[in-house]
N, C-alpha and C. Protein backbone atom coordinates (compact mmCIF):
# COMPACT_ATOMS: atom_id res chain seq x y z
N UNK A 1 116.23 157.34 62.13
CA UNK A 1 115.02 156.80 62.34
C UNK A 1 115.35 155.26 62.03
N UNK A 2 115.86 155.10 60.68
CA UNK A 2 116.06 153.80 60.19
C UNK A 2 117.19 152.68 60.87
N UNK A 3 118.13 153.73 61.55
CA UNK A 3 119.09 152.85 62.38
C UNK A 3 118.63 152.49 63.41
N UNK A 4 117.76 153.18 64.04
CA UNK A 4 116.87 153.04 65.37
C UNK A 4 116.03 151.93 65.53
N UNK A 5 115.49 151.63 64.23
CA UNK A 5 114.42 150.50 64.02
C UNK A 5 115.12 149.26 63.59
N UNK A 6 116.19 149.20 63.23
CA UNK A 6 117.50 148.23 62.87
C UNK A 6 117.93 147.68 64.09
N UNK A 7 118.50 148.81 65.01
CA UNK A 7 118.90 148.11 66.14
C UNK A 7 117.79 147.69 67.45
N UNK A 8 116.69 148.06 67.04
CA UNK A 8 115.39 147.66 67.91
C UNK A 8 115.04 146.25 67.65
N UNK A 9 115.20 146.02 66.08
CA UNK A 9 114.88 144.75 65.53
C UNK A 9 116.07 143.73 66.16
N UNK A 10 117.41 144.19 65.87
CA UNK A 10 118.28 143.08 66.37
C UNK A 10 118.24 142.82 67.92
N UNK A 11 117.93 144.13 68.57
CA UNK A 11 117.57 143.43 70.03
C UNK A 11 116.63 142.52 70.55
N UNK A 12 115.46 142.67 69.41
CA UNK A 12 114.20 141.86 69.69
C UNK A 12 114.50 140.43 69.42
N UNK A 13 115.11 140.31 68.17
CA UNK A 13 115.75 138.82 67.68
C UNK A 13 116.57 138.42 68.82
N UNK A 14 117.53 139.20 69.13
CA UNK A 14 118.49 138.67 70.44
C UNK A 14 117.72 138.09 71.34
N UNK A 15 116.74 138.73 71.74
CA UNK A 15 115.97 138.58 73.17
C UNK A 15 115.13 137.20 72.86
N UNK A 16 114.57 137.07 71.46
CA UNK A 16 113.95 135.68 71.17
C UNK A 16 114.63 134.63 71.01
N UNK A 17 115.85 134.88 70.53
CA UNK A 17 116.50 133.49 70.44
C UNK A 17 117.19 133.36 71.68
N UNK A 18 117.37 133.94 72.76
CA UNK A 18 117.99 133.52 74.02
C UNK A 18 117.14 132.49 74.84
N UNK A 19 118.20 131.38 75.23
CA UNK A 19 117.37 130.37 75.99
C UNK A 19 116.64 131.14 77.24
N UNK A 20 115.57 130.57 77.69
CA UNK A 20 114.75 131.06 78.51
C UNK A 20 115.47 130.99 79.94
N UNK A 21 115.92 129.98 80.06
CA UNK A 21 116.62 129.23 81.64
C UNK A 21 118.35 129.61 81.41
N UNK A 22 118.67 129.99 82.72
CA UNK A 22 120.07 129.69 82.87
C UNK A 22 120.52 128.32 83.24
N UNK A 23 121.67 127.99 82.86
CA UNK A 23 122.08 126.55 82.98
C UNK A 23 122.10 126.11 84.31
N UNK A 24 121.71 124.89 84.49
CA UNK A 24 121.67 124.39 85.91
C UNK A 24 123.10 124.06 86.09
N UNK A 25 123.48 124.26 87.22
CA UNK A 25 124.80 124.05 87.54
C UNK A 25 125.08 122.80 87.95
N UNK A 26 126.39 122.26 87.77
CA UNK A 26 126.56 120.85 88.01
C UNK A 26 126.34 120.39 89.54
N UNK A 27 126.35 121.20 90.29
CA UNK A 27 125.79 121.14 91.80
C UNK A 27 124.25 121.17 92.01
N UNK A 28 123.77 121.62 90.90
CA UNK A 28 122.29 121.93 91.12
C UNK A 28 121.55 120.75 91.39
N UNK A 29 120.22 120.98 91.85
CA UNK A 29 118.98 119.95 92.00
C UNK A 29 118.01 120.24 91.38
N UNK A 30 117.38 119.26 90.51
CA UNK A 30 116.05 119.15 89.91
C UNK A 30 115.13 118.38 90.82
N UNK A 31 113.93 119.18 90.79
CA UNK A 31 112.76 118.40 91.64
C UNK A 31 111.79 117.77 90.57
N UNK A 32 111.76 116.59 90.58
CA UNK A 32 110.88 115.74 89.57
C UNK A 32 109.50 115.60 90.63
N UNK A 33 108.57 116.12 90.41
CA UNK A 33 107.43 116.22 91.14
C UNK A 33 106.25 115.70 90.62
N UNK A 34 105.61 114.52 91.13
CA UNK A 34 104.26 114.26 90.58
C UNK A 34 103.77 112.68 91.20
N UNK A 35 103.13 112.28 90.46
CA UNK A 35 102.39 110.81 91.11
C UNK A 35 103.15 109.61 90.71
N UNK A 36 102.67 108.44 90.32
CA UNK A 36 103.39 107.20 89.99
C UNK A 36 104.03 107.14 88.83
N UNK A 37 103.87 107.85 87.75
CA UNK A 37 104.71 108.11 86.68
C UNK A 37 106.02 108.97 86.96
N UNK A 38 105.95 109.63 88.18
CA UNK A 38 107.20 109.96 88.49
C UNK A 38 107.78 109.20 89.46
N UNK A 39 107.12 108.77 90.25
CA UNK A 39 107.81 107.48 91.45
C UNK A 39 108.27 106.62 90.62
N UNK A 40 107.77 106.01 89.61
CA UNK A 40 108.16 104.88 88.82
C UNK A 40 107.61 103.53 89.28
N UNK A 41 106.22 103.46 88.94
CA UNK A 41 105.38 102.53 89.58
C UNK A 41 106.11 101.08 88.86
N UNK A 42 106.16 100.06 90.15
CA UNK A 42 106.48 98.82 89.43
C UNK A 42 107.60 98.51 88.78
N UNK A 43 108.63 99.51 88.74
CA UNK A 43 110.13 99.28 88.28
C UNK A 43 110.93 99.48 89.50
N UNK A 44 112.15 99.21 89.28
CA UNK A 44 113.05 99.39 90.31
C UNK A 44 113.68 101.00 90.36
N UNK A 45 113.98 101.43 91.34
CA UNK A 45 114.20 103.01 91.43
C UNK A 45 115.20 103.38 90.56
N UNK A 46 116.25 102.74 90.11
CA UNK A 46 117.28 103.15 89.07
C UNK A 46 116.62 103.21 87.69
N UNK A 47 115.51 102.92 87.55
CA UNK A 47 114.78 102.72 86.38
C UNK A 47 113.55 103.86 86.03
N UNK A 48 113.23 104.54 87.23
CA UNK A 48 112.42 105.51 87.10
C UNK A 48 112.80 106.75 86.28
N UNK A 49 112.11 107.40 85.88
CA UNK A 49 112.72 108.63 84.91
C UNK A 49 113.50 109.66 85.50
N UNK A 50 113.16 109.75 87.05
CA UNK A 50 114.21 110.90 87.72
C UNK A 50 115.77 110.25 87.60
N UNK A 51 115.75 108.85 87.84
CA UNK A 51 117.14 108.18 88.29
C UNK A 51 117.74 108.17 86.67
N UNK A 52 117.02 108.17 85.55
CA UNK A 52 117.76 108.16 84.23
C UNK A 52 118.05 109.42 83.91
N UNK A 53 117.04 110.44 84.21
CA UNK A 53 117.54 111.82 83.72
C UNK A 53 118.72 112.06 84.81
N UNK A 54 119.07 111.83 85.93
CA UNK A 54 119.85 112.11 86.52
C UNK A 54 121.16 111.54 86.13
N UNK A 55 121.33 110.47 85.30
CA UNK A 55 122.37 109.80 84.89
C UNK A 55 122.65 110.62 83.47
N UNK A 56 121.51 110.91 82.70
CA UNK A 56 121.83 111.66 81.43
C UNK A 56 122.38 113.17 81.52
N UNK A 57 122.06 113.65 82.77
CA UNK A 57 122.08 115.35 82.86
C UNK A 57 123.37 115.59 83.84
N UNK A 58 123.85 114.37 84.55
CA UNK A 58 124.76 114.79 85.55
C UNK A 58 124.42 115.55 86.80
N UNK A 59 123.40 115.95 86.92
CA UNK A 59 122.72 116.57 88.01
C UNK A 59 121.97 115.79 88.83
N UNK A 60 121.72 116.37 90.19
CA UNK A 60 120.97 115.70 91.28
C UNK A 60 119.57 115.65 90.92
N UNK A 61 118.80 114.78 90.86
CA UNK A 61 117.44 115.02 90.54
C UNK A 61 116.58 114.10 91.64
N UNK A 62 115.99 114.97 92.39
CA UNK A 62 115.14 114.39 93.49
C UNK A 62 113.72 113.65 93.01
N UNK A 63 113.61 112.55 93.21
CA UNK A 63 112.32 111.75 92.93
C UNK A 63 111.09 112.19 93.72
N UNK A 64 110.38 113.28 93.36
CA UNK A 64 109.32 113.38 94.57
C UNK A 64 108.07 112.96 93.96
N UNK A 65 107.94 111.56 93.63
CA UNK A 65 106.61 111.04 92.85
C UNK A 65 105.97 110.36 93.95
N UNK A 66 104.73 110.40 94.27
CA UNK A 66 103.74 109.63 95.29
C UNK A 66 102.76 108.85 94.32
N UNK A 67 102.67 107.46 94.36
CA UNK A 67 101.78 106.83 93.63
C UNK A 67 100.52 107.22 94.24
N UNK A 68 99.32 107.40 92.97
CA UNK A 68 97.85 107.55 93.63
C UNK A 68 97.77 109.00 93.97
N UNK A 69 98.68 110.01 94.03
CA UNK A 69 98.58 111.45 94.55
C UNK A 69 97.33 112.03 93.63
N UNK A 70 96.45 113.03 94.26
CA UNK A 70 95.68 113.95 93.55
C UNK A 70 96.27 115.34 93.71
N UNK A 71 96.19 116.16 92.67
CA UNK A 71 96.76 117.52 92.96
C UNK A 71 96.36 118.28 94.14
N UNK A 72 95.30 118.02 94.61
CA UNK A 72 94.57 119.12 96.08
C UNK A 72 95.87 118.29 96.79
N UNK A 73 96.29 117.02 97.07
CA UNK A 73 97.69 116.70 98.23
C UNK A 73 98.72 117.42 97.73
N UNK A 74 98.82 117.17 96.28
CA UNK A 74 100.17 117.52 95.61
C UNK A 74 100.41 119.15 96.04
N UNK A 75 99.61 119.93 95.95
CA UNK A 75 99.72 121.61 96.18
C UNK A 75 100.31 121.61 97.19
N UNK A 76 99.56 120.80 98.53
CA UNK A 76 100.32 121.02 99.77
C UNK A 76 101.63 120.46 99.73
N UNK A 77 101.89 119.07 99.11
CA UNK A 77 103.10 118.88 99.58
C UNK A 77 104.37 119.62 98.81
N UNK A 78 104.10 120.01 97.57
CA UNK A 78 104.85 120.83 96.63
C UNK A 78 105.13 122.21 97.42
N UNK A 79 104.07 122.72 98.06
CA UNK A 79 104.45 123.90 98.95
C UNK A 79 105.54 123.56 100.03
N UNK A 80 105.40 122.44 100.84
CA UNK A 80 106.14 122.40 101.81
C UNK A 80 107.65 122.03 101.42
N UNK A 81 107.93 121.29 100.17
CA UNK A 81 108.89 121.08 99.65
C UNK A 81 109.79 122.23 99.35
N UNK A 82 109.11 123.11 98.57
CA UNK A 82 109.87 124.18 98.08
C UNK A 82 110.07 125.36 99.24
N UNK A 83 109.10 125.40 100.17
CA UNK A 83 109.40 126.05 101.55
C UNK A 83 110.67 125.52 102.29
N UNK A 84 111.18 124.09 102.42
CA UNK A 84 112.16 123.92 103.08
C UNK A 84 113.26 123.45 102.30
N UNK A 85 113.68 123.34 101.00
CA UNK A 85 114.48 123.24 100.12
C UNK A 85 114.77 124.14 98.93
N UNK A 86 115.99 124.12 98.56
CA UNK A 86 116.32 125.02 97.36
C UNK A 86 116.43 123.86 96.11
N UNK A 87 115.55 124.30 95.13
CA UNK A 87 115.72 123.65 93.99
C UNK A 87 116.08 124.65 92.81
N UNK A 88 116.69 123.92 91.69
CA UNK A 88 117.17 124.80 90.68
C UNK A 88 116.17 124.78 89.36
N UNK A 89 115.34 123.70 89.62
CA UNK A 89 114.18 123.36 88.53
C UNK A 89 113.21 122.23 88.94
N UNK A 90 112.18 122.67 88.32
CA UNK A 90 111.12 121.94 88.80
C UNK A 90 110.27 121.16 87.27
N UNK A 91 110.02 119.86 87.43
CA UNK A 91 109.34 119.22 86.60
C UNK A 91 108.10 118.75 86.96
N UNK A 92 107.18 119.26 86.56
CA UNK A 92 105.70 118.89 87.20
C UNK A 92 104.79 118.11 86.28
N UNK A 93 104.58 117.14 86.73
CA UNK A 93 103.78 116.10 86.03
C UNK A 93 102.89 115.46 87.22
N UNK A 94 101.72 116.25 87.05
CA UNK A 94 100.61 115.49 87.73
C UNK A 94 99.20 115.81 87.45
N UNK A 95 98.16 115.15 87.66
CA UNK A 95 96.68 115.63 87.30
C UNK A 95 96.13 114.06 86.86
N UNK A 96 96.92 113.07 86.64
CA UNK A 96 96.27 111.97 85.88
C UNK A 96 95.37 111.30 86.99
N UNK A 97 95.52 111.25 88.14
CA UNK A 97 94.73 110.71 89.07
C UNK A 97 93.25 111.58 89.29
N UNK A 98 93.44 112.92 89.25
CA UNK A 98 92.27 113.63 89.14
C UNK A 98 91.23 113.21 88.08
N UNK A 99 92.09 112.84 86.67
CA UNK A 99 91.49 112.59 85.57
C UNK A 99 90.90 111.16 85.54
N UNK A 100 91.41 110.44 86.25
CA UNK A 100 91.18 109.11 86.25
C UNK A 100 89.90 108.75 87.41
N UNK A 101 90.02 109.51 88.37
CA UNK A 101 88.93 109.46 89.64
C UNK A 101 87.69 110.60 89.08
N UNK A 102 87.89 111.03 87.90
CA UNK A 102 86.72 111.90 87.45
C UNK A 102 86.53 113.17 88.46
N UNK A 103 87.63 113.62 89.01
CA UNK A 103 87.45 114.79 89.73
C UNK A 103 87.38 116.13 88.87
N UNK A 104 86.97 117.22 89.70
CA UNK A 104 86.50 118.24 88.76
C UNK A 104 87.88 118.91 87.91
N UNK A 105 87.66 119.06 86.80
CA UNK A 105 88.96 119.64 86.03
C UNK A 105 89.05 121.05 86.41
N UNK A 106 88.06 121.53 86.69
CA UNK A 106 88.50 123.32 87.18
C UNK A 106 89.13 123.32 88.49
N UNK A 107 88.93 122.35 89.36
CA UNK A 107 89.73 122.41 90.40
C UNK A 107 91.19 121.74 90.26
N UNK A 108 91.49 120.75 89.48
CA UNK A 108 92.54 120.31 88.66
C UNK A 108 93.49 121.21 88.20
N UNK A 109 92.52 122.23 87.38
CA UNK A 109 93.49 123.42 86.62
C UNK A 109 94.03 124.27 87.64
N UNK A 110 93.12 124.70 88.86
CA UNK A 110 93.58 125.69 89.85
C UNK A 110 94.66 125.02 90.54
N UNK A 111 94.20 123.82 91.06
CA UNK A 111 95.75 123.42 92.02
C UNK A 111 97.02 123.44 91.10
N UNK A 112 97.10 123.31 89.83
CA UNK A 112 98.17 123.06 88.95
C UNK A 112 98.65 124.71 88.71
N UNK A 113 97.64 125.31 88.63
CA UNK A 113 97.99 126.91 88.49
C UNK A 113 98.60 127.58 89.78
N UNK A 114 98.19 126.94 90.97
CA UNK A 114 98.77 127.41 92.25
C UNK A 114 100.30 126.71 92.50
N UNK A 115 100.38 125.33 91.92
CA UNK A 115 101.62 124.96 91.98
C UNK A 115 102.52 125.64 91.27
N UNK A 116 102.15 126.01 90.05
CA UNK A 116 103.27 127.00 89.16
C UNK A 116 103.70 128.05 90.03
N UNK A 117 102.52 128.83 90.46
CA UNK A 117 102.52 130.12 90.89
C UNK A 117 103.71 130.02 92.41
N UNK A 118 103.54 128.92 93.20
CA UNK A 118 104.30 128.72 94.22
C UNK A 118 105.82 128.73 93.96
N UNK A 119 106.34 127.77 92.77
CA UNK A 119 107.55 127.62 92.13
C UNK A 119 108.02 128.92 91.60
N UNK A 120 107.08 129.74 91.00
CA UNK A 120 107.49 131.13 90.53
C UNK A 120 107.75 132.16 91.69
N UNK A 121 106.86 131.90 92.70
CA UNK A 121 107.36 133.04 93.65
C UNK A 121 109.02 132.65 94.29
N UNK A 122 109.40 131.64 94.08
CA UNK A 122 110.47 131.26 94.66
C UNK A 122 111.61 131.18 93.72
N UNK A 123 111.15 131.58 92.31
CA UNK A 123 112.02 131.66 91.22
C UNK A 123 112.54 130.36 90.94
N UNK A 124 111.79 129.54 90.94
CA UNK A 124 112.32 127.77 90.43
C UNK A 124 111.46 127.75 89.09
N UNK A 125 112.30 127.46 87.94
CA UNK A 125 111.69 127.58 86.66
C UNK A 125 110.78 126.11 86.58
N UNK A 126 109.77 126.39 85.82
CA UNK A 126 109.05 124.99 85.74
C UNK A 126 108.76 124.64 84.28
N UNK A 127 109.11 123.26 84.00
CA UNK A 127 108.63 122.30 83.04
C UNK A 127 107.27 121.42 83.28
N UNK A 128 106.27 121.88 82.65
CA UNK A 128 104.77 121.51 82.65
C UNK A 128 104.76 120.31 81.82
N UNK A 129 104.63 119.13 82.09
CA UNK A 129 103.98 117.76 81.21
C UNK A 129 102.38 117.46 81.29
N UNK A 130 101.92 117.40 80.15
CA UNK A 130 100.56 117.20 80.18
C UNK A 130 100.19 115.82 80.32
N UNK A 131 99.20 115.22 80.92
CA UNK A 131 98.86 113.95 80.84
C UNK A 131 97.24 113.83 79.97
N UNK A 132 97.22 112.52 79.66
CA UNK A 132 96.03 112.35 78.73
C UNK A 132 94.65 112.42 79.27
N UNK A 133 93.62 112.46 78.65
CA UNK A 133 92.27 112.39 79.14
C UNK A 133 91.99 110.91 79.01
N UNK A 134 90.82 110.45 79.31
CA UNK A 134 90.47 109.05 79.55
C UNK A 134 89.94 108.51 78.14
N UNK A 135 89.98 109.56 77.01
CA UNK A 135 89.63 109.09 75.82
C UNK A 135 90.45 107.87 75.24
N UNK A 136 89.84 106.83 74.33
CA UNK A 136 90.84 105.80 74.14
C UNK A 136 91.88 106.12 73.34
N UNK A 137 91.92 107.27 72.57
CA UNK A 137 92.89 107.84 71.63
C UNK A 137 93.99 108.62 72.48
N UNK A 138 93.73 108.91 73.77
CA UNK A 138 94.58 109.51 74.77
C UNK A 138 95.27 110.88 74.26
N UNK A 139 94.40 111.68 73.86
CA UNK A 139 95.01 113.02 73.44
C UNK A 139 95.17 113.79 74.92
N UNK A 140 96.11 114.63 74.85
CA UNK A 140 96.43 115.33 76.03
C UNK A 140 95.33 116.45 76.64
N UNK A 141 94.97 116.48 77.92
CA UNK A 141 93.88 117.02 78.32
C UNK A 141 94.15 118.74 77.93
N UNK A 142 93.17 119.56 77.23
CA UNK A 142 93.54 120.84 76.85
C UNK A 142 94.08 121.69 78.14
N UNK A 143 93.53 121.39 79.32
CA UNK A 143 93.96 122.51 80.43
C UNK A 143 95.10 122.43 80.31
N UNK A 144 96.28 121.89 80.12
CA UNK A 144 97.63 121.97 80.15
C UNK A 144 98.26 123.05 79.45
N UNK A 145 97.76 123.10 78.32
CA UNK A 145 97.99 124.14 76.89
C UNK A 145 97.56 125.26 77.78
N UNK A 146 96.33 125.65 78.20
CA UNK A 146 95.82 126.67 78.83
C UNK A 146 96.52 127.32 79.95
N UNK A 147 97.08 126.32 80.76
CA UNK A 147 97.87 126.74 81.96
C UNK A 147 99.40 127.10 81.43
N UNK A 148 99.58 126.43 80.29
CA UNK A 148 101.11 126.95 80.12
C UNK A 148 101.11 128.30 79.20
N UNK A 149 100.07 128.39 78.60
CA UNK A 149 99.88 129.66 77.83
C UNK A 149 99.49 131.03 78.95
N UNK A 150 98.79 130.79 79.78
CA UNK A 150 98.33 131.78 80.87
C UNK A 150 99.65 131.96 81.69
N UNK A 151 100.20 131.01 82.06
CA UNK A 151 101.44 131.13 83.23
C UNK A 151 102.68 131.38 82.53
N UNK A 152 102.92 131.41 81.16
CA UNK A 152 103.98 131.43 80.31
C UNK A 152 104.89 130.65 80.57
N UNK A 153 104.98 129.02 80.89
CA UNK A 153 105.90 128.22 81.19
C UNK A 153 105.99 127.09 79.76
N UNK A 154 107.24 126.65 80.04
CA UNK A 154 106.96 125.45 78.75
C UNK A 154 106.35 124.21 79.02
N UNK A 155 105.90 123.82 78.06
CA UNK A 155 104.95 122.43 78.16
C UNK A 155 105.31 121.26 77.20
N UNK A 156 105.41 119.86 77.65
CA UNK A 156 105.65 119.11 76.93
C UNK A 156 104.30 118.42 76.87
N UNK A 157 103.66 118.53 75.73
CA UNK A 157 102.15 118.43 75.59
C UNK A 157 101.86 117.01 75.13
N UNK A 158 102.76 116.43 74.34
CA UNK A 158 102.33 115.22 73.92
C UNK A 158 103.12 114.11 74.06
N UNK A 159 104.21 114.13 74.98
CA UNK A 159 105.14 113.02 75.52
C UNK A 159 104.39 111.90 76.08
N UNK A 160 103.47 112.33 76.98
CA UNK A 160 102.96 111.25 77.88
C UNK A 160 101.92 110.41 77.00
N UNK A 161 101.15 111.24 76.28
CA UNK A 161 100.16 110.47 75.31
C UNK A 161 100.60 109.79 74.38
N UNK A 162 101.76 110.23 73.86
CA UNK A 162 102.40 109.49 72.64
C UNK A 162 103.02 108.05 72.98
N UNK A 163 103.60 108.12 74.43
CA UNK A 163 104.08 107.03 74.94
C UNK A 163 103.21 106.06 75.44
N UNK A 164 101.93 106.61 75.72
CA UNK A 164 100.76 105.72 76.23
C UNK A 164 100.25 104.92 75.07
N UNK A 165 100.39 105.39 73.71
CA UNK A 165 99.83 104.71 72.71
C UNK A 165 100.46 103.59 72.05
N UNK A 166 101.93 103.32 72.85
CA UNK A 166 102.82 102.47 72.05
C UNK A 166 103.04 101.35 73.25
N UNK A 167 102.59 100.24 73.09
CA UNK A 167 102.42 99.13 73.95
C UNK A 167 103.99 98.73 74.22
N UNK A 168 104.91 98.84 73.59
CA UNK A 168 106.29 98.76 73.96
C UNK A 168 107.09 99.31 75.08
N UNK A 169 106.01 100.39 75.35
CA UNK A 169 106.72 101.35 76.27
C UNK A 169 105.60 101.17 77.78
N UNK A 170 104.67 100.21 77.54
CA UNK A 170 103.69 100.17 78.70
C UNK A 170 103.70 98.90 79.45
N UNK A 171 103.52 99.00 80.88
CA UNK A 171 103.57 98.11 81.45
C UNK A 171 102.11 97.81 81.92
N UNK A 172 101.30 98.62 82.20
CA UNK A 172 99.68 98.55 82.00
C UNK A 172 99.11 99.50 81.38
N UNK A 173 97.88 99.84 81.64
CA UNK A 173 96.99 101.09 80.78
C UNK A 173 97.40 102.27 81.35
N UNK A 174 97.99 102.64 82.59
CA UNK A 174 98.24 103.84 82.82
C UNK A 174 99.91 104.08 83.31
N UNK A 175 100.76 103.21 83.37
CA UNK A 175 102.13 103.05 83.89
C UNK A 175 102.89 102.33 82.45
N UNK A 176 104.17 103.13 82.70
CA UNK A 176 105.18 102.61 81.51
C UNK A 176 106.05 101.47 82.34
N UNK A 177 106.77 100.92 81.43
CA UNK A 177 107.67 99.82 81.78
C UNK A 177 109.27 100.68 81.62
N UNK A 178 110.26 99.77 82.01
CA UNK A 178 111.63 100.35 81.91
C UNK A 178 111.89 101.21 80.57
N UNK A 179 111.84 100.58 79.53
CA UNK A 179 111.69 101.23 78.28
C UNK A 179 111.05 102.53 78.27
N UNK A 180 109.88 102.35 78.65
CA UNK A 180 109.10 103.82 78.76
C UNK A 180 109.44 104.97 79.48
N UNK A 181 110.07 104.51 80.73
CA UNK A 181 110.73 105.52 81.56
C UNK A 181 111.80 106.10 81.03
N UNK A 182 112.82 105.00 80.51
CA UNK A 182 113.68 105.81 79.58
C UNK A 182 113.67 106.67 78.61
N UNK A 183 112.70 106.24 77.65
CA UNK A 183 112.29 107.23 76.71
C UNK A 183 111.68 108.56 77.06
N UNK A 184 111.27 108.41 78.21
CA UNK A 184 110.62 109.84 79.13
C UNK A 184 111.62 110.54 79.40
N UNK A 185 112.52 109.83 80.00
CA UNK A 185 113.75 110.66 80.54
C UNK A 185 114.42 111.50 79.30
N UNK A 186 114.70 110.72 78.47
CA UNK A 186 115.61 111.13 77.08
C UNK A 186 114.83 112.24 76.65
N UNK A 187 113.44 112.38 76.42
CA UNK A 187 112.82 113.41 75.93
C UNK A 187 112.83 114.48 76.76
N UNK A 188 112.65 114.33 77.88
CA UNK A 188 112.60 115.42 78.96
C UNK A 188 114.19 116.21 78.96
N UNK A 189 115.24 115.26 78.73
CA UNK A 189 116.53 115.92 78.77
C UNK A 189 116.66 116.72 77.64
N UNK A 190 115.98 116.07 76.32
CA UNK A 190 116.31 116.84 75.19
C UNK A 190 115.66 118.13 75.10
N UNK A 191 114.41 118.39 76.01
CA UNK A 191 113.58 119.36 76.04
C UNK A 191 114.35 120.47 77.09
N UNK A 192 114.78 119.99 78.09
CA UNK A 192 115.55 120.98 79.03
C UNK A 192 116.72 121.46 78.30
N UNK A 193 117.50 120.58 77.26
CA UNK A 193 118.53 121.10 76.80
C UNK A 193 118.27 122.51 75.74
N UNK A 194 117.00 122.03 75.27
CA UNK A 194 116.63 123.45 74.21
C UNK A 194 116.30 124.42 75.14
N UNK A 195 115.69 124.19 76.27
CA UNK A 195 115.56 125.23 77.14
C UNK A 195 116.54 126.04 77.54
N UNK A 196 117.78 125.26 77.72
CA UNK A 196 118.95 126.17 78.01
C UNK A 196 119.10 125.68 79.29
N UNK A 197 118.64 124.62 79.83
CA UNK A 197 118.94 123.97 81.48
C UNK A 197 120.12 123.30 81.55
N UNK A 198 120.72 122.71 80.41
CA UNK A 198 121.79 122.06 80.52
C UNK A 198 122.73 122.49 79.44
């Protein structure tokens, strides 16, 4: 009985220590999906975070950012993208425009949940990034942690909020400059390495 307990414990620890994702192959493609923070508002395309991430990772990173997009439109667009193409990984960063426009938080959460569901149905791993509330101290909106817990997806909860609080990374009140996107890509790259994607 004791031997069985030891074996089960070892198996459990091995499972817990295992990286949650298989490595993205060198020919693999990452879908960076979102709004202006993904698009790279007011910087040259090579300075957007997807472009920097592509250089860091050596993988193809598709910049699927649309400035001004709300999640209701994003859900429809993401579904079409995932229906028409194969991707090895999805970085999901959307919801800021819903929050800025005071749209329903319940609908925002539902739209993001459905986006995660669409990706999971196609076996595309998801990394979720939280966006801040409109509070001056810019804490991340709580619904992102709730989504991550419910749907069991990794979350970068504080990255955007942290960068938003540092003027050296900001272009304006809601967008980053080149240094901001560089830092953003570097942090995402490090997180994906920890997850076993690289």
